[in-house]
Amino acid sequence: MSFQTYLRTNTSLADEDIDLICSVAMSRSLHRNELLLQQGQICRHKIFVVDGLLRNYGIAEDGSEHILQFSPQHTWTLDVESYDRQTPSQYNIAAVERSEVLLWTKADFDVLLSDIPAFKMLSQQLISHNIYNSRQRLLTALSATPEEKYEDFVRNFPDLLSRLPLHMIASYLGISLKTLTRIRHAQIHR
């Protein structure tokens, strides 16, 4: 199983700990565009993407979609505020393509964190990494030109370019589809 390989590669967990972590996970298959979390619901699970690609997004009052994050295979995702506080989510999590995920309830995950120190250490490392990435993304969103935003996306997510429709990339970058098309066209002709 690829999740077990992920744990063996990224932690020093004993086999019995890996077996325990896997034993409380629920497996779920998602169709393209299927919602895993809908705005207004409480985020009740930690989510690991075994295969596929998810997106976390909000919808503005005008109906436009603002993508906060893409989660490709072998990454974790959730709406952290809704999960931690057990309050209704302001965001949606949906499959961009057919995806396989593992889910842990908050109660089960909290027990795993308290019982398995190496798993707690992995969780803390992931939180630190996400904070760093979020800060970098915020700085880029606030200060970079549309061209720089796109170059940053290409540099950080080269494998996602062929998997995402252009409107989703534009939404993630906070630019119009027209601007993204112009940038891509200019790069091709350089």
Protein backbone atom coordinates (compact mmCIF):
# COMPACT_ATOMS: atom_id res chain seq x y z
CA MET A 1 0.00 0.00 0.00
CA SER A 2 1.42 3.39 -0.92
CA PHE A 3 0.40 4.99 2.40
CA GLN A 4 2.50 2.46 4.29
CA THR A 5 5.42 3.21 1.97
CA TYR A 6 4.87 6.95 2.59
CA LEU A 7 5.05 6.38 6.37
CA ARG A 8 8.14 4.17 6.12
CA THR A 9 9.87 6.81 3.96
CA ASN A 10 8.96 9.83 6.10
CA THR A 11 9.10 8.45 9.64
CA SER A 12 10.89 5.94 11.84
CA LEU A 13 7.61 4.27 12.80
CA ALA A 14 7.63 0.62 13.82
CA ASP A 15 5.58 -1.78 11.66
CA GLU A 16 3.04 -2.30 14.46
CA ASP A 17 2.49 1.48 14.67
CA ILE A 18 2.01 1.69 10.90
CA ASP A 19 -0.48 -1.19 11.10
CA LEU A 20 -2.38 0.60 13.88
CA ILE A 21 -2.52 3.89 11.94
CA CYS A 22 -3.80 2.05 8.86
CA SER A 23 -6.32 -0.02 10.83
CA VAL A 24 -8.34 3.04 11.93
CA ALA A 25 -8.29 4.74 8.51
CA MET A 26 -11.35 4.65 6.27
CA SER A 27 -10.72 4.32 2.55
CA ARG A 28 -12.84 6.30 0.12
CA SER A 29 -12.93 6.66 -3.67
CA LEU A 30 -13.96 9.99 -5.15
CA HIS A 31 -15.22 10.74 -8.64
CA ARG A 32 -14.03 13.79 -10.55
CA ASN A 33 -15.56 16.95 -8.98
CA GLU A 34 -17.06 14.99 -6.05
CA LEU A 35 -17.15 16.98 -2.81
CA LEU A 36 -15.46 15.53 0.25
CA LEU A 37 -16.30 18.59 2.39
CA GLN A 38 -18.96 21.15 1.56
CA GLN A 39 -19.12 24.69 2.91
CA GLY A 40 -21.30 24.68 6.03
CA GLN A 41 -20.35 21.12 7.04
CA ILE A 42 -17.95 20.41 9.89
CA CYS A 43 -14.60 18.97 8.80
CA ARG A 44 -14.55 15.73 10.79
CA HIS A 45 -11.55 13.98 9.17
CA LYS A 46 -7.85 14.27 8.51
CA ILE A 47 -7.42 13.39 4.84
CA PHE A 48 -4.48 11.70 3.13
CA VAL A 49 -4.51 11.61 -0.67
CA VAL A 50 -3.37 8.13 -1.70
CA ASP A 51 -3.90 8.81 -5.40
CA GLY A 52 -5.43 11.62 -7.43
CA LEU A 53 -5.75 15.34 -6.78
CA LEU A 54 -7.99 17.43 -4.48
CA ARG A 55 -8.60 21.16 -4.27
CA ASN A 56 -9.59 23.29 -1.28
CA TYR A 57 -11.60 26.32 -2.32
CA GLY A 58 -14.04 28.98 -1.25
CA ILE A 59 -16.84 30.57 -3.22
CA ALA A 60 -17.20 34.36 -3.21
CA GLU A 61 -20.57 36.10 -3.05
CA ASP A 62 -20.44 36.66 -6.82
CA GLY A 63 -20.13 32.88 -7.32
CA SER A 64 -16.47 32.90 -8.31
CA GLU A 65 -14.24 30.12 -7.01
CA HIS A 66 -11.01 30.91 -5.14
CA ILE A 67 -8.69 27.92 -4.83
CA LEU A 68 -6.57 27.98 -1.69
CA GLN A 69 -4.67 24.74 -2.13
CA PHE A 70 -4.13 21.72 -4.35
CA SER A 71 -3.44 18.38 -2.67
CA PRO A 72 -1.85 15.81 -4.98
CA GLN A 73 -1.10 12.20 -4.05
CA HIS A 74 0.89 11.64 -0.87
CA THR A 75 -0.20 14.88 0.78
CA TRP A 76 -2.51 15.64 3.68
CA THR A 77 -5.40 18.09 3.68
CA LEU A 78 -8.36 19.33 5.73
CA ASP A 79 -10.04 22.57 6.73
CA VAL A 80 -7.90 23.08 9.82
CA GLU A 81 -10.11 25.69 11.49
CA SER A 82 -13.30 23.66 11.08
CA TYR A 83 -11.50 20.47 12.18
CA ASP A 84 -9.83 21.97 15.26
CA ARG A 85 -12.85 23.95 16.44
CA GLN A 86 -15.53 21.56 15.11
CA THR A 87 -17.33 24.52 13.52
CA PRO A 88 -18.97 24.79 10.08
CA SER A 89 -16.44 25.11 7.28
CA GLN A 90 -16.19 28.18 5.07
CA TYR A 91 -14.54 26.04 2.38
CA ASN A 92 -15.06 23.06 0.11
CA ILE A 93 -12.74 20.14 -0.60
CA ALA A 94 -13.37 18.36 -3.91
CA ALA A 95 -11.64 15.90 -6.23
CA VAL A 96 -10.14 17.46 -9.35
CA GLU A 97 -9.80 13.95 -10.81
CA ARG A 98 -10.66 10.43 -9.68
CA SER A 99 -9.00 10.11 -6.29
CA GLU A 100 -8.42 7.63 -3.50
CA VAL A 101 -8.20 9.02 0.02
CA LEU A 102 -7.79 7.76 3.56
CA LEU A 103 -9.80 9.41 6.34
CA TRP A 104 -9.32 9.46 10.11
CA THR A 105 -11.88 10.83 12.53
CA LYS A 106 -10.62 13.52 14.89
CA ALA A 107 -11.05 11.21 17.89
CA ASP A 108 -9.07 8.39 16.25
CA PHE A 109 -6.35 10.74 15.00
CA ASP A 110 -5.97 12.39 18.43
CA VAL A 111 -5.48 8.95 20.02
CA LEU A 112 -2.85 8.05 17.40
CA LEU A 113 -1.00 11.31 18.08
CA SER A 114 -0.97 10.73 21.83
CA ASP A 115 -0.03 7.03 21.58
CA ILE A 116 2.64 7.23 18.83
CA PRO A 117 5.28 9.94 19.43
CA ALA A 118 6.91 9.49 15.99
CA PHE A 119 3.53 10.05 14.32
CA LYS A 120 3.02 13.19 16.40
CA MET A 121 6.45 14.39 15.27
CA LEU A 122 5.48 13.84 11.61
CA SER A 123 2.26 15.76 12.21
CA GLN A 124 4.16 18.68 13.76
CA GLN A 125 6.62 18.73 10.85
CA LEU A 126 3.73 18.82 8.37
CA ILE A 127 2.08 21.69 10.26
CA SER A 128 5.35 23.69 10.24
CA HIS A 129 5.82 22.97 6.52
CA ASN A 130 2.25 24.09 5.77
CA ILE A 131 2.69 27.31 7.74
CA TYR A 132 5.88 28.08 5.81
CA ASN A 133 4.22 27.33 2.45
CA SER A 134 1.15 29.40 3.35
CA ARG A 135 3.28 32.39 4.27
CA GLN A 136 5.26 32.10 1.03
CA ARG A 137 2.04 31.79 -0.98
CA LEU A 138 0.55 34.84 0.76
CA LEU A 139 3.66 36.93 0.07
CA THR A 140 3.62 35.90 -3.59
CA ALA A 141 -0.12 36.59 -3.89
CA LEU A 142 0.32 40.07 -2.40
CA SER A 143 3.54 41.20 -4.05
CA ALA A 144 4.19 39.31 -7.30
CA THR A 145 3.12 40.25 -10.79
CA PRO A 146 0.82 37.82 -12.65
CA GLU A 147 3.85 36.58 -14.61
CA GLU A 148 5.81 35.98 -11.40
CA LYS A 149 2.84 34.16 -9.84
CA TYR A 150 2.64 31.83 -12.83
CA GLU A 151 6.42 31.23 -12.85
CA ASP A 152 6.25 30.41 -9.13
CA PHE A 153 3.42 27.94 -9.78
CA VAL A 154 5.35 26.26 -12.62
CA ARG A 155 8.45 26.01 -10.42
CA ASN A 156 6.57 24.60 -7.41
CA PHE A 157 3.99 22.38 -9.16
CA PRO A 158 5.39 21.35 -12.57
CA ASP A 159 3.58 18.00 -12.45
CA LEU A 160 0.18 19.66 -11.93
CA LEU A 161 0.24 21.79 -15.09
CA SER A 162 -1.01 18.98 -17.34
CA ARG A 163 -3.56 17.75 -14.76
CA LEU A 164 -5.38 21.03 -14.11
CA PRO A 165 -7.76 23.01 -16.29
CA LEU A 166 -6.49 26.55 -16.91
CA HIS A 167 -9.42 28.13 -15.07
CA MET A 168 -8.34 26.32 -11.86
CA ILE A 169 -4.74 27.50 -12.22
CA ALA A 170 -6.00 31.06 -12.77
CA SER A 171 -8.27 30.78 -9.72
CA TYR A 172 -5.36 29.53 -7.58
CA LEU A 173 -3.14 32.38 -8.80
CA GLY A 174 -5.85 35.00 -8.28
CA ILE A 175 -5.70 36.17 -11.90
CA SER A 176 -8.19 36.09 -14.74
CA LEU A 177 -8.23 33.28 -17.28
CA LYS A 178 -7.58 35.91 -19.96
CA THR A 179 -4.41 37.06 -18.16
CA LEU A 180 -3.20 33.49 -17.68
CA THR A 181 -3.77 32.72 -21.36
CA ARG A 182 -1.81 35.86 -22.34
CA ILE A 183 1.10 34.89 -20.04
CA ARG A 184 1.25 31.33 -21.39
CA HIS A 185 1.05 32.58 -24.98
CA ALA A 186 3.92 35.04 -24.37
CA GLN A 187 6.08 32.26 -22.85
CA ILE A 188 5.52 29.97 -25.82
CA HIS A 189 6.67 32.69 -28.21
CA ARG A 190 9.80 33.59 -26.22
